[in-house]
N, C-alpha and C. Protein backbone atom coordinates (compact mmCIF):
# COMPACT_ATOMS: atom_id res chain seq x y z
N UNK A 1 35.36 -33.27 -27.39
CA UNK A 1 35.00 -31.95 -27.72
C UNK A 1 34.17 -32.20 -29.07
N UNK A 2 34.79 -33.24 -29.87
CA UNK A 2 33.86 -33.37 -31.22
C UNK A 2 32.68 -34.39 -31.20
N UNK A 3 32.60 -35.06 -30.12
CA UNK A 3 31.49 -35.83 -29.70
C UNK A 3 30.19 -34.54 -29.49
N UNK A 4 30.76 -33.94 -28.39
CA UNK A 4 29.63 -33.15 -27.87
C UNK A 4 29.35 -32.20 -28.90
N UNK A 5 29.93 -31.83 -29.57
CA UNK A 5 29.81 -30.70 -30.98
C UNK A 5 28.94 -31.45 -31.77
N UNK A 6 29.02 -32.61 -32.15
CA UNK A 6 28.13 -33.65 -32.68
C UNK A 6 26.86 -33.88 -32.25
N UNK A 7 26.91 -34.06 -31.04
CA UNK A 7 25.32 -34.46 -30.13
C UNK A 7 24.50 -33.02 -30.20
N UNK A 8 25.35 -31.80 -30.07
CA UNK A 8 24.52 -30.49 -30.09
C UNK A 8 23.97 -30.39 -31.51
N UNK A 9 24.64 -30.56 -32.25
CA UNK A 9 24.25 -30.40 -33.80
C UNK A 9 22.87 -31.29 -34.12
N UNK A 10 23.05 -32.53 -33.65
CA UNK A 10 21.67 -33.48 -33.54
C UNK A 10 20.79 -32.99 -33.14
N UNK A 11 20.74 -32.53 -32.07
CA UNK A 11 19.56 -31.94 -31.14
C UNK A 11 19.15 -30.49 -31.84
N UNK A 12 20.21 -29.78 -32.44
CA UNK A 12 19.59 -28.59 -33.49
C UNK A 12 18.84 -29.11 -34.55
N UNK A 13 19.37 -29.99 -35.21
CA UNK A 13 18.66 -30.71 -36.42
C UNK A 13 17.21 -31.40 -35.71
N UNK A 14 17.28 -31.87 -34.85
CA UNK A 14 16.06 -32.41 -34.26
C UNK A 14 14.89 -31.48 -33.99
N UNK A 15 15.53 -29.87 -33.45
CA UNK A 15 14.68 -28.81 -33.26
C UNK A 15 14.07 -28.40 -34.56
N UNK A 16 14.92 -28.46 -35.62
CA UNK A 16 14.38 -27.99 -36.91
C UNK A 16 13.32 -29.06 -37.42
N UNK A 17 13.46 -30.34 -37.32
CA UNK A 17 12.38 -31.35 -37.81
C UNK A 17 11.59 -31.45 -36.77
N UNK A 18 11.31 -30.78 -35.70
CA UNK A 18 9.92 -30.96 -34.72
C UNK A 18 9.13 -30.10 -35.25
N UNK A 19 9.56 -28.92 -36.11
CA UNK A 19 8.45 -27.99 -36.66
C UNK A 19 7.54 -28.80 -37.72
N UNK A 20 8.18 -29.61 -38.56
CA UNK A 20 7.43 -30.43 -39.29
C UNK A 20 6.15 -31.43 -38.71
N UNK A 21 6.09 -31.61 -37.72
CA UNK A 21 5.03 -32.69 -37.30
C UNK A 21 3.80 -31.75 -37.07
N UNK A 22 3.71 -30.80 -37.54
CA UNK A 22 2.42 -29.89 -37.51
C UNK A 22 1.73 -30.50 -39.11
N UNK A 23 2.83 -30.94 -39.88
CA UNK A 23 2.43 -31.07 -41.54
C UNK A 23 1.44 -32.13 -41.52
N UNK A 24 0.73 -32.59 -42.65
CA UNK A 24 0.35 -33.66 -43.24
C UNK A 24 0.62 -34.25 -44.77
N UNK A 25 1.20 -33.49 -45.54
CA UNK A 25 1.71 -33.42 -46.77
C UNK A 25 2.59 -32.64 -46.88
N UNK A 26 3.48 -32.98 -48.12
CA UNK A 26 4.23 -32.15 -48.66
C UNK A 26 3.37 -31.38 -49.70
N UNK A 27 4.09 -30.20 -49.97
CA UNK A 27 3.53 -29.26 -51.23
C UNK A 27 3.52 -29.92 -52.63
N UNK A 28 2.79 -29.49 -53.46
CA UNK A 28 2.81 -29.73 -54.92
C UNK A 28 4.22 -29.76 -55.65
N UNK A 29 5.16 -29.09 -54.75
CA UNK A 29 6.36 -29.04 -55.53
C UNK A 29 7.17 -30.45 -55.20
N UNK A 30 6.63 -31.48 -54.54
CA UNK A 30 7.26 -32.79 -54.43
C UNK A 30 6.47 -33.82 -55.01
N UNK A 31 5.22 -33.36 -55.56
CA UNK A 31 4.84 -34.56 -56.53
C UNK A 31 4.65 -34.24 -57.65
N UNK A 32 4.89 -35.49 -58.53
CA UNK A 32 4.61 -35.11 -60.12
C UNK A 32 3.50 -35.99 -60.73
N UNK A 33 2.72 -35.40 -61.19
CA UNK A 33 1.62 -36.33 -61.76
C UNK A 33 1.31 -36.21 -63.36
N UNK A 34 0.75 -37.05 -63.78
CA UNK A 34 0.67 -36.78 -65.31
C UNK A 34 -0.26 -35.73 -65.66
N UNK A 35 -1.42 -35.16 -64.66
CA UNK A 35 -1.94 -34.18 -65.06
C UNK A 35 -1.43 -33.19 -64.99
N UNK A 36 -0.53 -32.70 -64.15
CA UNK A 36 0.30 -31.68 -64.18
C UNK A 36 1.05 -31.53 -65.28
N UNK A 37 1.64 -32.42 -65.98
CA UNK A 37 2.67 -32.54 -67.13
C UNK A 37 1.59 -32.34 -68.22
N UNK A 38 0.43 -33.02 -68.40
CA UNK A 38 -0.52 -32.62 -69.64
C UNK A 38 -0.85 -31.15 -69.38
N UNK A 39 -1.34 -30.81 -68.36
CA UNK A 39 -1.65 -29.34 -68.09
C UNK A 39 -0.51 -28.48 -68.74
N UNK A 40 0.43 -28.53 -68.39
CA UNK A 40 1.74 -27.84 -68.70
C UNK A 40 2.00 -27.89 -70.12
N UNK A 41 1.97 -29.00 -70.61
CA UNK A 41 2.48 -29.34 -72.26
C UNK A 41 1.46 -28.77 -72.88
N UNK A 42 0.00 -28.77 -72.88
CA UNK A 42 -0.98 -28.07 -73.87
C UNK A 42 -0.71 -26.75 -73.37
N UNK A 43 -0.58 -26.08 -72.36
CA UNK A 43 -0.47 -24.60 -71.95
C UNK A 43 0.85 -23.94 -73.09
N UNK A 44 2.26 -24.86 -72.90
CA UNK A 44 3.00 -24.54 -73.71
C UNK A 44 2.97 -24.36 -75.36
N UNK A 45 2.35 -25.51 -75.62
CA UNK A 45 2.00 -25.47 -76.87
C UNK A 45 0.91 -24.60 -77.52
N UNK A 46 0.06 -24.00 -76.84
CA UNK A 46 -0.81 -22.96 -77.23
C UNK A 46 -0.02 -21.63 -77.16
N UNK A 47 1.00 -21.80 -76.17
CA UNK A 47 1.64 -20.38 -75.70
C UNK A 47 2.57 -20.00 -77.02
N UNK A 48 3.22 -21.16 -77.52
CA UNK A 48 4.14 -21.16 -78.52
C UNK A 48 3.55 -21.12 -80.02
N UNK A 49 2.30 -20.87 -80.59
CA UNK A 49 1.60 -21.25 -81.90
C UNK A 49 2.46 -20.47 -82.94
N UNK A 50 3.29 -19.40 -82.72
CA UNK A 50 3.94 -18.91 -83.85
C UNK A 50 5.19 -19.79 -84.21
N UNK A 51 5.55 -20.76 -83.46
CA UNK A 51 6.37 -21.42 -84.02
C UNK A 51 5.90 -22.56 -85.13
N UNK A 52 7.06 -23.17 -86.11
CA UNK A 52 6.46 -23.73 -86.93
C UNK A 52 5.92 -25.36 -86.18
N UNK A 53 5.02 -25.82 -86.76
CA UNK A 53 4.26 -26.98 -85.66
C UNK A 53 5.44 -28.19 -85.63
N UNK A 54 6.15 -28.20 -86.48
CA UNK A 54 7.12 -29.22 -86.02
C UNK A 54 8.05 -29.18 -85.20
N UNK A 55 8.80 -27.62 -85.26
CA UNK A 55 9.71 -27.36 -84.21
C UNK A 55 8.81 -27.38 -82.70
N UNK A 56 7.64 -26.91 -82.66
CA UNK A 56 6.76 -26.60 -81.57
C UNK A 56 6.61 -27.90 -80.84
N UNK A 57 6.25 -29.25 -81.63
CA UNK A 57 6.10 -30.59 -81.07
C UNK A 57 7.35 -31.28 -80.91
N UNK A 58 8.64 -30.78 -81.37
CA UNK A 58 9.65 -31.20 -80.95
C UNK A 58 10.24 -30.96 -79.73
N UNK A 59 9.90 -29.39 -79.37
CA UNK A 59 10.56 -28.85 -78.34
C UNK A 59 9.22 -29.29 -77.02
N UNK A 60 8.10 -29.43 -77.30
CA UNK A 60 7.06 -29.74 -76.38
C UNK A 60 6.58 -31.12 -76.59
N UNK A 61 6.85 -31.81 -75.88
CA UNK A 61 6.45 -33.16 -76.18
C UNK A 61 6.57 -34.26 -74.52
N UNK A 62 5.92 -35.10 -74.61
CA UNK A 62 5.91 -35.82 -73.39
C UNK A 62 7.07 -36.42 -72.68
N UNK A 63 7.82 -36.92 -73.65
CA UNK A 63 9.16 -37.62 -73.09
C UNK A 63 9.47 -36.39 -72.45
N UNK A 64 10.04 -35.42 -73.35
CA UNK A 64 10.97 -34.16 -72.50
C UNK A 64 10.31 -33.78 -71.17
N UNK A 65 8.96 -33.45 -71.17
CA UNK A 65 8.19 -32.82 -70.13
C UNK A 65 8.30 -34.03 -68.82
N UNK A 66 8.24 -35.43 -69.27
CA UNK A 66 8.12 -36.29 -68.22
C UNK A 66 9.56 -36.45 -67.58
N UNK A 67 10.68 -36.24 -68.38
CA UNK A 67 11.84 -36.20 -67.93
C UNK A 67 12.50 -34.75 -66.93
N UNK A 68 12.29 -33.91 -67.60
CA UNK A 68 12.35 -32.90 -66.85
C UNK A 68 11.59 -32.31 -65.81
N UNK A 69 10.24 -32.70 -65.78
CA UNK A 69 9.37 -32.75 -64.42
C UNK A 69 9.75 -33.63 -63.55
N UNK A 70 10.01 -34.57 -63.79
CA UNK A 70 10.40 -35.90 -62.71
C UNK A 70 11.78 -35.32 -62.21
N UNK A 71 12.81 -34.79 -63.03
CA UNK A 71 13.87 -34.29 -62.56
C UNK A 71 14.11 -33.08 -61.59
N UNK A 72 13.08 -32.36 -62.04
CA UNK A 72 12.72 -31.07 -61.21
C UNK A 72 12.26 -31.42 -59.96
N UNK A 73 11.08 -32.25 -60.01
CA UNK A 73 10.60 -32.59 -58.64
C UNK A 73 11.60 -33.28 -57.90
N UNK A 74 12.23 -34.44 -58.25
CA UNK A 74 13.18 -35.13 -57.40
C UNK A 74 14.18 -34.03 -56.75
N UNK A 75 14.73 -33.14 -57.62
CA UNK A 75 15.73 -32.35 -57.00
C UNK A 75 15.41 -31.36 -56.07
N UNK A 76 14.19 -31.24 -55.87
CA UNK A 76 13.59 -30.36 -54.72
C UNK A 76 13.36 -30.82 -53.25
N UNK A 77 13.89 -32.43 -53.36
CA UNK A 77 14.37 -32.64 -52.12
C UNK A 77 15.67 -32.30 -51.83
N UNK A 78 16.79 -31.82 -52.75
CA UNK A 78 18.00 -31.51 -52.50
C UNK A 78 18.24 -30.15 -52.49
N UNK A 79 17.11 -29.27 -52.91
CA UNK A 79 17.09 -27.89 -53.01
C UNK A 79 17.44 -27.46 -51.49
N UNK A 80 18.69 -26.60 -51.45
CA UNK A 80 19.21 -25.90 -50.27
C UNK A 80 18.15 -25.35 -49.25
N UNK A 81 17.12 -24.47 -49.92
CA UNK A 81 16.03 -23.98 -49.16
C UNK A 81 15.22 -24.61 -48.27
N UNK A 82 15.08 -25.95 -49.05
CA UNK A 82 14.03 -27.04 -48.54
C UNK A 82 15.09 -27.95 -47.29
N UNK A 83 16.35 -27.81 -47.95
CA UNK A 83 17.15 -28.72 -46.57
C UNK A 83 17.35 -27.85 -45.68
N UNK A 84 17.59 -26.19 -45.79
CA UNK A 84 17.55 -25.28 -44.46
C UNK A 84 16.26 -25.22 -43.86
N UNK A 85 15.33 -25.46 -44.34
CA UNK A 85 14.08 -25.66 -43.81
C UNK A 85 13.69 -26.69 -42.80
N UNK A 86 13.96 -28.00 -43.68
CA UNK A 86 14.11 -29.39 -42.98
C UNK A 86 15.11 -29.38 -41.87
N UNK A 87 16.16 -29.38 -42.10
CA UNK A 87 17.43 -29.76 -40.86
C UNK A 87 17.92 -28.42 -40.42
N UNK A 88 17.59 -26.89 -40.70
CA UNK A 88 18.36 -26.04 -40.24
C UNK A 88 19.45 -25.75 -40.98
N UNK A 89 20.27 -24.56 -40.89
CA UNK A 89 21.07 -23.90 -41.52
C UNK A 89 22.38 -25.06 -41.32
N UNK A 90 22.60 -25.34 -40.06
CA UNK A 90 23.64 -26.20 -39.62
C UNK A 90 23.84 -27.57 -40.39
N UNK A 91 22.36 -28.07 -40.49
CA UNK A 91 22.11 -29.31 -41.05
C UNK A 91 22.36 -29.13 -42.56
N UNK A 92 21.92 -28.31 -43.19
CA UNK A 92 22.05 -28.13 -44.73
C UNK A 92 23.45 -28.15 -45.04
N UNK A 93 24.39 -27.44 -44.25
CA UNK A 93 25.81 -27.03 -44.59
C UNK A 93 26.32 -28.57 -44.24
N UNK A 94 25.72 -29.07 -43.37
CA UNK A 94 26.47 -30.30 -42.97
C UNK A 94 26.37 -31.56 -44.04
N UNK A 95 25.23 -31.40 -44.51
CA UNK A 95 24.71 -32.34 -45.76
C UNK A 95 25.46 -32.13 -47.02
N UNK A 96 26.13 -30.78 -47.29
CA UNK A 96 27.20 -30.59 -48.07
C UNK A 96 28.22 -31.00 -47.89
N UNK A 97 28.90 -30.82 -46.74
CA UNK A 97 30.01 -31.40 -46.28
C UNK A 97 30.19 -33.02 -46.39
N UNK A 98 28.97 -33.74 -45.97
CA UNK A 98 28.90 -35.29 -45.86
C UNK A 98 28.90 -35.75 -47.39
N UNK A 99 28.13 -35.07 -48.18
CA UNK A 99 27.99 -35.16 -49.69
C UNK A 99 29.50 -35.26 -50.18
N UNK A 100 30.08 -34.08 -49.87
CA UNK A 100 31.91 -33.82 -50.20
C UNK A 100 32.33 -34.81 -50.13
N UNK A 101 32.44 -35.22 -48.57
CA UNK A 101 33.30 -36.30 -48.33
C UNK A 101 33.12 -37.80 -48.68
N UNK A 102 31.61 -38.09 -49.00
CA UNK A 102 31.27 -39.11 -49.61
C UNK A 102 32.03 -39.20 -51.20
N UNK A 103 31.76 -38.39 -51.63
CA UNK A 103 32.02 -38.23 -53.04
C UNK A 103 34.00 -38.48 -53.06
N UNK A 104 34.58 -37.53 -52.38
CA UNK A 104 35.88 -37.63 -52.40
C UNK A 104 36.47 -38.92 -52.04
N UNK A 105 35.68 -39.81 -51.03
CA UNK A 105 36.36 -40.88 -50.44
C UNK A 105 35.30 -42.14 -50.98
N UNK A 106 35.14 -42.07 -52.39
CA UNK A 106 34.16 -42.96 -52.94
C UNK A 106 34.44 -44.72 -52.59
N UNK A 107 35.74 -44.71 -52.43
CA UNK A 107 36.07 -46.34 -52.58
C UNK A 107 35.92 -46.90 -50.99
N UNK A 108 35.65 -45.80 -49.93
CA UNK A 108 35.67 -46.13 -48.46
C UNK A 108 34.11 -45.96 -48.39
N UNK A 109 33.51 -45.65 -48.84
CA UNK A 109 32.01 -45.19 -48.51
C UNK A 109 31.03 -45.59 -49.18
N UNK A 110 31.17 -46.82 -49.75
CA UNK A 110 30.50 -47.51 -50.48
C UNK A 110 28.76 -47.93 -49.69
N UNK A 111 29.13 -48.05 -48.44
CA UNK A 111 27.70 -48.15 -47.91
C UNK A 111 26.64 -46.91 -47.79
N UNK A 112 27.49 -45.88 -47.67
CA UNK A 112 26.75 -44.54 -47.91
C UNK A 112 26.17 -44.15 -49.11
N UNK A 113 26.77 -44.77 -50.13
CA UNK A 113 26.28 -44.42 -51.81
C UNK A 113 24.94 -45.38 -51.75
N UNK A 114 25.05 -46.59 -50.90
CA UNK A 114 23.85 -47.22 -51.29
C UNK A 114 22.77 -46.72 -50.31
N UNK A 115 22.92 -46.08 -49.47
CA UNK A 115 21.95 -45.43 -48.41
C UNK A 115 21.62 -44.14 -49.35
N UNK A 116 22.30 -43.31 -49.87
CA UNK A 116 22.01 -42.23 -50.91
C UNK A 116 20.95 -42.95 -52.04
N UNK A 117 21.30 -44.06 -52.72
CA UNK A 117 20.38 -44.94 -53.45
C UNK A 117 19.13 -45.21 -53.12
N UNK A 118 19.05 -45.31 -51.63
CA UNK A 118 18.08 -46.06 -50.97
C UNK A 118 16.88 -44.87 -51.11
N UNK A 119 17.45 -43.81 -50.38
CA UNK A 119 16.83 -42.64 -50.23
C UNK A 119 16.32 -41.89 -51.33
N UNK A 120 17.00 -42.21 -52.62
CA UNK A 120 16.63 -41.74 -53.90
C UNK A 120 15.50 -42.41 -54.25
N UNK A 121 15.21 -43.88 -54.31
CA UNK A 121 14.10 -44.55 -54.29
C UNK A 121 13.26 -44.21 -53.83
N UNK A 122 13.44 -43.88 -52.37
CA UNK A 122 12.20 -43.56 -51.70
C UNK A 122 11.48 -42.10 -52.08
N UNK A 123 12.65 -41.41 -52.24
CA UNK A 123 12.21 -39.90 -52.93
C UNK A 123 11.04 -39.97 -54.39
N UNK A 124 11.82 -41.13 -55.31
CA UNK A 124 11.02 -41.56 -56.63
C UNK A 124 9.88 -42.01 -56.15
N UNK A 125 9.51 -42.99 -55.23
CA UNK A 125 8.27 -43.52 -54.88
C UNK A 125 7.26 -42.52 -54.58
N UNK A 126 7.56 -41.60 -53.78
CA UNK A 126 7.04 -40.53 -53.38
C UNK A 126 6.50 -39.56 -54.37
N UNK A 127 7.44 -39.26 -55.24
CA UNK A 127 7.08 -38.48 -56.17
C UNK A 127 6.27 -38.94 -57.13
N UNK A 128 6.05 -40.26 -57.44
CA UNK A 128 5.20 -40.59 -58.46
C UNK A 128 3.80 -41.07 -58.01
N UNK A 129 4.09 -41.99 -56.80
CA UNK A 129 2.86 -42.35 -56.22
C UNK A 129 2.18 -41.46 -55.14
N UNK A 130 2.40 -40.35 -55.05
CA UNK A 130 1.90 -39.36 -54.02
C UNK A 130 2.11 -40.35 -52.76
N UNK A 131 1.43 -39.45 -51.71
CA UNK A 131 1.27 -39.81 -50.20
C UNK A 131 0.57 -40.99 -50.18
N UNK A 132 1.36 -42.37 -50.30
CA UNK A 132 0.66 -43.54 -49.53
C UNK A 132 1.03 -44.12 -48.49
N UNK A 133 1.95 -43.43 -47.96
CA UNK A 133 2.21 -43.91 -46.43
C UNK A 133 2.44 -42.61 -45.67
N UNK A 134 2.20 -42.76 -44.24
CA UNK A 134 1.86 -41.71 -43.54
C UNK A 134 2.98 -40.83 -43.63
N UNK A 135 2.62 -39.38 -43.23
CA UNK A 135 3.81 -38.29 -43.32
C UNK A 135 4.59 -38.17 -42.41
N UNK A 136 4.38 -38.71 -41.16
CA UNK A 136 5.48 -38.94 -40.08
C UNK A 136 6.61 -39.97 -40.46
N UNK A 137 5.80 -41.03 -41.16
CA UNK A 137 7.09 -42.18 -41.79
C UNK A 137 7.98 -41.31 -42.73
N UNK A 138 7.61 -40.37 -43.59
CA UNK A 138 8.47 -39.97 -44.49
C UNK A 138 9.28 -38.83 -43.68
N UNK A 139 9.10 -38.47 -42.68
CA UNK A 139 9.67 -37.24 -41.91
C UNK A 139 11.03 -38.36 -41.15
N UNK A 140 10.50 -39.43 -40.48
CA UNK A 140 11.36 -40.14 -39.92
C UNK A 140 12.51 -40.73 -41.06
N UNK A 141 11.95 -41.32 -42.01
CA UNK A 141 13.19 -41.22 -43.25
C UNK A 141 14.04 -40.38 -43.73
N UNK A 142 13.33 -39.40 -44.02
CA UNK A 142 14.07 -38.35 -44.67
C UNK A 142 14.98 -37.72 -43.75
N UNK A 143 14.30 -37.47 -42.22
CA UNK A 143 15.29 -36.93 -41.22
C UNK A 143 16.36 -37.68 -40.85
N UNK A 144 16.30 -38.95 -40.71
CA UNK A 144 17.12 -39.88 -40.27
C UNK A 144 18.51 -39.94 -41.40
N UNK A 145 17.83 -40.00 -42.54
CA UNK A 145 19.00 -40.01 -43.73
C UNK A 145 19.70 -38.63 -43.69
N UNK A 146 18.90 -37.42 -43.78
CA UNK A 146 19.64 -36.21 -43.84
C UNK A 146 20.44 -35.96 -42.48
N UNK A 147 19.99 -36.44 -41.63
CA UNK A 147 20.80 -36.17 -40.04
C UNK A 147 22.27 -36.84 -40.38
N UNK A 148 21.96 -38.24 -40.83
CA UNK A 148 23.18 -38.90 -40.78
C UNK A 148 24.23 -38.50 -41.60
N UNK A 149 23.74 -38.11 -42.90
CA UNK A 149 24.77 -37.30 -43.87
C UNK A 149 25.19 -36.41 -43.49
N UNK A 150 24.41 -35.14 -42.75
CA UNK A 150 24.95 -34.27 -42.01
C UNK A 150 26.25 -34.46 -40.96
N UNK A 151 25.84 -35.50 -39.88
CA UNK A 151 26.63 -35.71 -38.89
C UNK A 151 28.06 -36.66 -39.38
N UNK A 152 27.90 -37.20 -40.29
CA UNK A 152 28.96 -37.78 -41.15
C UNK A 152 29.68 -36.51 -41.62
N UNK A 153 29.31 -35.67 -42.28
CA UNK A 153 30.05 -34.65 -43.11
C UNK A 153 30.91 -33.81 -41.65
N UNK A 154 29.93 -33.48 -40.83
CA UNK A 154 30.81 -32.81 -39.56
C UNK A 154 31.86 -33.74 -38.95
N UNK A 155 31.73 -35.03 -38.82
CA UNK A 155 32.48 -35.85 -38.31
C UNK A 155 34.13 -35.86 -39.05
N UNK A 156 33.85 -35.98 -39.99
CA UNK A 156 34.99 -35.58 -41.02
C UNK A 156 35.65 -34.25 -41.11
N UNK A 157 34.85 -33.50 -41.19
CA UNK A 157 34.94 -32.05 -41.10
C UNK A 157 35.96 -31.66 -39.71
N UNK A 158 35.62 -32.16 -38.72
CA UNK A 158 36.03 -31.55 -37.24
C UNK A 158 37.21 -33.00 -37.31
N UNK A 159 37.62 -33.61 -38.05
CA UNK A 159 38.67 -34.40 -37.98
C UNK A 159 40.09 -33.96 -37.33
N UNK A 160 40.27 -32.93 -37.89
CA UNK A 160 41.59 -32.20 -37.51
C UNK A 160 41.10 -31.27 -36.24
N UNK A 161 42.10 -30.95 -35.26
CA UNK A 161 41.62 -30.22 -34.09
C UNK A 161 41.89 -28.65 -34.35
N UNK A 162 41.51 -28.12 -35.17
CA UNK A 162 41.40 -26.87 -35.77
C UNK A 162 40.31 -26.12 -34.84
N UNK A 163 40.74 -25.21 -33.88
CA UNK A 163 39.73 -24.45 -33.45
C UNK A 163 38.81 -23.59 -34.11
N UNK A 164 39.32 -22.98 -35.10
CA UNK A 164 38.36 -22.24 -36.24
C UNK A 164 37.32 -23.02 -36.78
N UNK A 165 37.37 -24.63 -36.87
CA UNK A 165 36.68 -24.86 -37.50
C UNK A 165 35.61 -25.44 -36.18
N UNK A 166 35.90 -25.34 -34.93
CA UNK A 166 34.82 -25.79 -34.05
C UNK A 166 34.12 -24.45 -33.73
N UNK A 167 34.89 -23.27 -33.97
CA UNK A 167 33.98 -21.67 -33.79
C UNK A 167 33.08 -21.75 -34.87
N UNK A 168 33.48 -22.01 -35.85
CA UNK A 168 32.49 -21.77 -37.30
C UNK A 168 31.45 -22.87 -37.11
N UNK A 169 31.23 -23.82 -36.58
CA UNK A 169 30.24 -24.91 -36.42
C UNK A 169 29.33 -24.17 -35.22
N UNK A 170 29.90 -23.76 -34.15
CA UNK A 170 29.22 -23.19 -32.91
C UNK A 170 28.21 -21.75 -33.55
N UNK A 171 28.99 -21.17 -34.60
CA UNK A 171 28.31 -19.99 -35.03
C UNK A 171 27.14 -20.82 -35.84
N UNK A 172 27.46 -21.59 -36.68
CA UNK A 172 26.33 -22.28 -37.72
C UNK A 172 25.25 -22.70 -36.47
N UNK A 173 25.48 -23.35 -35.41
CA UNK A 173 24.40 -23.46 -34.72
C UNK A 173 23.57 -22.42 -33.98
N UNK A 174 24.25 -21.50 -33.40
CA UNK A 174 23.55 -20.47 -33.13
C UNK A 174 22.63 -19.83 -34.18
N UNK A 175 22.99 -19.54 -35.35
CA UNK A 175 22.64 -19.08 -36.58
C UNK A 175 21.47 -19.89 -36.85
N UNK A 176 21.49 -21.12 -36.95
CA UNK A 176 20.27 -22.04 -36.96
C UNK A 176 19.27 -22.06 -36.11
N UNK A 177 19.60 -21.87 -34.67
CA UNK A 177 19.00 -21.89 -33.36
C UNK A 177 17.96 -20.37 -33.53
N UNK A 178 18.64 -19.18 -33.90
CA UNK A 178 17.92 -17.82 -34.20
C UNK A 178 16.98 -17.81 -35.34
N UNK A 179 17.49 -18.52 -36.12
CA UNK A 179 16.60 -18.57 -37.42
C UNK A 179 15.43 -19.42 -37.27
N UNK A 180 15.47 -20.65 -36.54
CA UNK A 180 14.44 -21.21 -36.45
C UNK A 180 13.32 -20.47 -35.39
N UNK A 181 13.84 -20.00 -34.28
CA UNK A 181 12.90 -18.93 -33.41
C UNK A 181 12.45 -17.76 -33.92
N UNK A 182 13.17 -17.06 -34.78
CA UNK A 182 12.70 -15.84 -35.57
C UNK A 182 11.79 -16.10 -36.31
N UNK A 183 12.02 -17.00 -37.15
CA UNK A 183 11.04 -17.44 -38.33
C UNK A 183 10.54 -18.78 -38.07
N UNK A 184 9.60 -19.12 -37.29
CA UNK A 184 8.95 -20.44 -37.15
C UNK A 184 8.19 -20.93 -38.28
N UNK A 185 7.92 -20.26 -39.23
CA UNK A 185 6.94 -20.65 -40.24
C UNK A 185 7.93 -20.79 -41.45
N UNK A 186 9.21 -21.08 -41.30
CA UNK A 186 9.86 -21.19 -42.36
C UNK A 186 9.79 -22.33 -43.41
N UNK A 187 9.20 -23.17 -42.78
CA UNK A 187 8.78 -24.54 -43.40
C UNK A 187 7.44 -24.68 -44.21
N UNK A 188 6.61 -23.69 -43.87
CA UNK A 188 5.44 -23.65 -44.63
C UNK A 188 5.22 -23.64 -46.18
N UNK A 189 6.37 -23.26 -46.75
CA UNK A 189 6.32 -23.15 -48.12
C UNK A 189 6.63 -24.58 -48.86
N UNK A 190 6.87 -25.64 -47.71
CA UNK A 190 6.88 -27.03 -48.36
C UNK A 190 5.93 -28.06 -47.69
N UNK A 191 5.18 -27.70 -46.92
CA UNK A 191 4.28 -28.52 -46.25
C UNK A 191 2.97 -27.63 -46.31
N UNK A 192 1.84 -28.76 -46.08
CA UNK A 192 0.56 -28.61 -46.00
C UNK A 192 0.11 -28.97 -44.52
N UNK A 193 -0.23 -27.67 -43.59
CA UNK A 193 -0.48 -27.97 -42.11
C UNK A 193 -2.00 -28.87 -42.17
N UNK A 194 -2.00 -29.37 -41.13
CA UNK A 194 -3.30 -29.96 -40.70
C UNK A 194 -4.35 -29.30 -39.86
């Protein structure tokens, strides 16, 4: 029963990912450029002219804006709204479960930590170097990674044969399918269509 449920989850997540095939780029939320940082810095410096110059420069400088902007942009890949649009509700909750099981079983899950590190590197490359490789490749890499983490989380979640857990996952899958069918443009906040 557990294998059948995991295959069903994988198909629901693939259905959610299929909506992204019409995209050609992520939106600006996923990219961090020096021009964006400079424009924001100048705006904030001018908006806070009533502060003493030293304090204004201390609060609004390139180092802080670079660190804050790159962290915000990187965390956009882990935003629950993005994950829900990317792999559906069932996938987003599976990712949360997967990360929970990875963190709680660190010593046994070193390979998954390495995978998280590799995808983080992938996200940072995408973040700073802009779209230098095809969007379909990004979808495949992120899709395989997020789907793997999700299925890993559900595999451990279903380890006990509790019928309540099976029912919970079936309800999540139905909710995901309904959400994807009723709101087919949910991903449009995060991608630029061709």
